[in-house]
C-alpha atoms as a PDB file:
ATOM      1  CA  MET A   1     149.580 181.639 202.127  1.00  0.00           C
ATOM      2  CA  SER A   2     146.313 183.525 201.890  1.00  0.00           C
ATOM      3  CA  GLU A   3     145.970 186.966 200.391  1.00  0.00           C
ATOM      4  CA  LYS A   4     145.272 189.817 202.797  1.00  0.00           C
ATOM      5  CA  ASN A   5     141.674 191.073 202.633  1.00  0.00           C
ATOM      6  CA  ASN A   6     141.417 194.804 202.138  1.00  0.00           C
ATOM      7  CA  ILE A   7     138.230 196.772 202.553  1.00  0.00           C
ATOM      8  CA  ILE A   8     137.118 200.361 202.324  1.00  0.00           C
ATOM      9  CA  VAL A   9     133.595 201.206 203.416  1.00  0.00           C
ATOM     10  CA  SER A  10     132.117 204.656 203.152  1.00  0.00           C
ATOM     11  CA  CYS A  11     128.689 205.768 204.221  1.00  0.00           C
ATOM     12  CA  SER A  12     127.207 209.068 203.160  1.00  0.00           C
ATOM     13  CA  PHE A  13     124.084 210.857 204.329  1.00  0.00           C
ATOM     14  CA  SER A  14     123.112 213.236 201.536  1.00  0.00           C
ATOM     15  CA  ILE A  15     120.477 215.933 201.397  1.00  0.00           C
ATOM     16  CA  PHE A  16     119.534 217.135 197.908  1.00  0.00           C
ATOM     17  CA  SER A  17     117.400 219.880 196.425  1.00  0.00           C
ATOM     18  CA  GLU A  18     116.836 220.994 192.860  1.00  0.00           C
ATOM     19  CA  THR A  19     115.346 224.328 193.967  1.00  0.00           C
ATOM     20  CA  HIS A  20     116.980 225.429 197.253  1.00  0.00           C
ATOM     21  CA  ASP A  21     120.593 226.355 197.959  1.00  0.00           C
ATOM     22  CA  LEU A  22     121.425 224.119 200.935  1.00  0.00           C
ATOM     23  CA  LYS A  23     124.005 226.354 202.626  1.00  0.00           C
ATOM     24  CA  PHE A  24     121.324 227.272 205.171  1.00  0.00           C
ATOM     25  CA  LEU A  25     121.346 223.672 206.467  1.00  0.00           C
ATOM     26  CA  THR A  26     124.725 224.132 208.138  1.00  0.00           C
ATOM     27  CA  GLN A  27     123.299 226.933 210.274  1.00  0.00           C
ATOM     28  CA  GLU A  28     119.911 225.291 210.875  1.00  0.00           C
ATOM     29  CA  ILE A  29     121.323 221.863 211.773  1.00  0.00           C
ATOM     30  CA  GLY A  30     124.513 223.138 213.410  1.00  0.00           C
ATOM     31  CA  ILE A  31     126.786 220.650 211.630  1.00  0.00           C
ATOM     32  CA  LYS A  32     129.362 221.461 208.954  1.00  0.00           C
ATOM     33  CA  PRO A  33     129.037 219.018 206.037  1.00  0.00           C
ATOM     34  CA  ASP A  34     131.967 216.987 204.732  1.00  0.00           C
ATOM     35  CA  LYS A  35     130.963 217.988 201.178  1.00  0.00           C
ATOM     36  CA  GLU A  36     128.689 220.678 199.825  1.00  0.00           C
ATOM     37  CA  TYR A  37     127.920 221.810 196.275  1.00  0.00           C
ATOM     38  CA  THR A  38     125.454 223.853 194.268  1.00  0.00           C
ATOM     39  CA  ILE A  39     123.828 223.442 190.873  1.00  0.00           C
ATOM     40  CA  GLY A  40     126.396 223.981 188.143  1.00  0.00           C
ATOM     41  CA  ASP A  41     129.459 223.083 190.214  1.00  0.00           C
ATOM     42  CA  VAL A  42     131.928 220.959 188.245  1.00  0.00           C
ATOM     43  CA  GLU A  43     133.480 218.001 190.028  1.00  0.00           C
ATOM     44  CA  LYS A  44     136.382 215.995 188.667  1.00  0.00           C
ATOM     45  CA  GLU A  45     137.219 212.812 190.487  1.00  0.00           C
ATOM     46  CA  GLU A  46     140.677 211.310 190.141  1.00  0.00           C
ATOM     47  CA  ASN A  47     140.956 209.156 186.997  1.00  0.00           C
ATOM     48  CA  ARG A  48     137.305 209.813 186.203  1.00  0.00           C
ATOM     49  CA  PHE A  49     135.233 212.124 184.111  1.00  0.00           C
ATOM     50  CA  GLU A  50     134.043 215.604 185.021  1.00  0.00           C
ATOM     51  CA  ARG A  51     130.452 215.986 186.024  1.00  0.00           C
ATOM     52  CA  ILE A  52     128.310 219.048 186.394  1.00  0.00           C
ATOM     53  CA  ARG A  53     126.029 218.998 189.419  1.00  0.00           C
ATOM     54  CA  PHE A  54     122.358 219.236 188.489  1.00  0.00           C
ATOM     55  CA  ARG A  55     121.133 219.707 192.057  1.00  0.00           C
ATOM     56  CA  ASN A  56     122.342 221.174 195.339  1.00  0.00           C
ATOM     57  CA  GLY A  57     123.939 218.784 197.838  1.00  0.00           C
ATOM     58  CA  TRP A  58     124.833 218.695 201.545  1.00  0.00           C
ATOM     59  CA  ILE A  59     126.722 215.533 202.564  1.00  0.00           C
ATOM     60  CA  LEU A  60     128.090 213.881 205.713  1.00  0.00           C
ATOM     61  CA  GLU A  61     130.489 210.957 205.323  1.00  0.00           C
ATOM     62  CA  SER A  62     131.948 208.200 207.454  1.00  0.00           C
ATOM     63  CA  ILE A  63     134.854 206.226 205.966  1.00  0.00           C
ATOM     64  CA  TYR A  64     136.587 203.089 207.255  1.00  0.00           C
ATOM     65  CA  LYS A  65     139.756 201.553 205.745  1.00  0.00           C
ATOM     66  CA  ASP A  66     141.361 198.401 207.075  1.00  0.00           C
ATOM     67  CA  ASP A  67     142.379 194.862 206.321  1.00  0.00           C
ATOM     68  CA  ILE A  68     140.176 193.118 208.878  1.00  0.00           C
ATOM     69  CA  GLU A  69     136.482 192.562 209.356  1.00  0.00           C
ATOM     70  CA  VAL A  70     134.485 195.760 209.390  1.00  0.00           C
ATOM     71  CA  ASP A  71     131.248 196.448 211.217  1.00  0.00           C
ATOM     72  CA  VAL A  72     129.143 198.199 208.574  1.00  0.00           C
ATOM     73  CA  ASN A  73     126.475 199.038 211.160  1.00  0.00           C
ATOM     74  CA  ASN A  74     129.014 201.046 213.176  1.00  0.00           C
ATOM     75  CA  ILE A  75     129.878 203.117 210.119  1.00  0.00           C
ATOM     76  CA  ILE A  76     126.198 203.959 209.643  1.00  0.00           C
ATOM     77  CA  ILE A  77     125.781 204.541 213.391  1.00  0.00           C
ATOM     78  CA  ASN A  78     128.662 207.036 213.217  1.00  0.00           C
ATOM     79  CA  ILE A  79     126.537 209.156 210.849  1.00  0.00           C
ATOM     80  CA  GLN A  80     123.450 208.656 213.006  1.00  0.00           C
ATOM     81  CA  ASN A  81     125.329 209.789 216.128  1.00  0.00           C
ATOM     82  CA  ARG A  82     126.528 212.965 214.378  1.00  0.00           C
ATOM     83  CA  LEU A  83     122.920 213.789 213.497  1.00  0.00           C
ATOM     84  CA  PHE A  84     121.151 212.411 216.561  1.00  0.00           C
ATOM     85  CA  ASN A  85     120.317 215.702 218.306  1.00  0.00           C
ATOM     86  CA  HIS A  86     119.192 217.217 214.994  1.00  0.00           C
ATOM     87  CA  LEU A  87     116.889 214.516 213.587  1.00  0.00           C
ATOM     88  CA  ASN A  88     113.671 216.436 214.316  1.00  0.00           C
ATOM     89  CA  THR A  89     115.080 219.602 212.745  1.00  0.00           C
ATOM     90  CA  ILE A  90     116.103 217.646 209.643  1.00  0.00           C
ATOM     91  CA  ARG A  91     112.667 216.010 209.497  1.00  0.00           C
ATOM     92  CA  PHE A  92     111.005 219.457 209.654  1.00  0.00           C
ATOM     93  CA  LEU A  93     113.333 220.971 207.011  1.00  0.00           C
ATOM     94  CA  LYS A  94     112.831 217.962 204.734  1.00  0.00           C
ATOM     95  CA  LYS A  95     109.087 218.500 204.749  1.00  0.00           C
ATOM     96  CA  GLU A  96     109.228 222.314 204.638  1.00  0.00           C
ATOM     97  CA  PHE A  97     111.658 222.497 201.686  1.00  0.00           C
ATOM     98  CA  ASP A  98     110.790 219.221 199.914  1.00  0.00           C
ATOM     99  CA  LEU A  99     114.325 217.855 200.348  1.00  0.00           C
ATOM    100  CA  GLU A 100     115.473 214.420 199.208  1.00  0.00           C
ATOM    101  CA  ILE A 101     117.600 212.402 201.642  1.00  0.00           C
ATOM    102  CA  VAL A 102     119.741 209.478 200.485  1.00  0.00           C
ATOM    103  CA  LEU A 103     121.850 207.094 202.567  1.00  0.00           C
ATOM    104  CA  THR A 104     124.603 205.452 200.514  1.00  0.00           C
ATOM    105  CA  LEU A 105     127.026 202.654 201.325  1.00  0.00           C
ATOM    106  CA  HIS A 106     130.031 202.185 199.051  1.00  0.00           C
ATOM    107  CA  ILE A 107     132.170 199.125 199.677  1.00  0.00           C
ATOM    108  CA  VAL A 108     135.462 198.358 197.929  1.00  0.00           C
ATOM    109  CA  THR A 109     137.007 194.987 198.724  1.00  0.00           C
ATOM    110  CA  ASN A 110     139.111 192.188 197.295  1.00  0.00           C
ATOM    111  CA  ASP A 111     136.966 189.632 199.149  1.00  0.00           C
ATOM    112  CA  VAL A 112     134.532 188.361 196.490  1.00  0.00           C
ATOM    113  CA  GLY A 113     132.600 186.578 199.235  1.00  0.00           C
ATOM    114  CA  PHE A 114     131.974 189.771 201.200  1.00  0.00           C
ATOM    115  CA  GLY A 115     128.497 190.050 202.640  1.00  0.00           C
ATOM    116  CA  TYR A 116     126.965 191.877 205.548  1.00  0.00           C
ATOM    117  CA  ASP A 117     123.605 191.966 207.310  1.00  0.00           C
ATOM    118  CA  ILE A 118     122.605 195.447 208.388  1.00  0.00           C
ATOM    119  CA  CYS A 119     120.700 195.575 211.662  1.00  0.00           C
ATOM    120  CA  TYR A 120     117.732 197.818 210.883  1.00  0.00           C
ATOM    121  CA  THR A 121     116.733 198.365 214.532  1.00  0.00           C
ATOM    122  CA  GLU A 122     120.126 199.891 215.417  1.00  0.00           C
ATOM    123  CA  ILE A 123     119.871 202.503 212.689  1.00  0.00           C
ATOM    124  CA  PHE A 124     116.110 203.064 212.644  1.00  0.00           C
ATOM    125  CA  ASP A 125     116.304 206.754 213.637  1.00  0.00           C
ATOM    126  CA  LEU A 126     118.474 207.519 210.633  1.00  0.00           C
ATOM    127  CA  ILE A 127     116.648 205.224 208.211  1.00  0.00           C
ATOM    128  CA  SER A 128     113.314 206.840 209.112  1.00  0.00           C
ATOM    129  CA  LEU A 129     114.553 210.076 207.474  1.00  0.00           C
ATOM    130  CA  VAL A 130     115.782 208.718 204.163  1.00  0.00           C
ATOM    131  CA  ASP A 131     113.950 208.517 200.860  1.00  0.00           C
ATOM    132  CA  ARG A 132     116.414 206.072 199.305  1.00  0.00           C
ATOM    133  CA  PHE A 133     119.054 203.668 200.531  1.00  0.00           C
ATOM    134  CA  THR A 134     121.692 202.742 197.961  1.00  0.00           C
ATOM    135  CA  CYS A 135     124.625 200.363 198.122  1.00  0.00           C
ATOM    136  CA  PHE A 136     127.536 199.910 195.728  1.00  0.00           C
ATOM    137  CA  VAL A 137     130.088 197.118 195.991  1.00  0.00           C
ATOM    138  CA  ASN A 138     133.257 197.181 193.900  1.00  0.00           C
ATOM    139  CA  PHE A 139     135.642 194.256 193.833  1.00  0.00           C
ATOM    140  CA  MET A 140     139.336 194.959 193.309  1.00  0.00           C
ATOM    141  CA  LYS A 141     142.081 192.513 192.459  1.00  0.00           C
END
């Protein structure tokens, strides 16, 4: 009998600044972030250390949890769709306020053979905004 494959995939679209409080983004973009913090905020994650934020952050997230195959592109597209009508505004604000934009994928799975090809053309509008794309994969037993 085979073991059930479990997977959690989260995608976050993060805007950072070391000099500007990013609360204005919610009004300018018209979207409430899933997370928001300012320099000096202390965050304690469950079973982890405390960390003090050294920059301001405005973050949208898309999370998928299941035990079957997951379409990673759709998780990224979910973020892109939330931002779609605001991409030009974000592009302008990024340049005007020297903002850093990071797209992050975090995958937790018990499938050590997990792999996925991301279709760049489907997420081009979102990717064209980002400065960095990061991906973390954690394997659980």
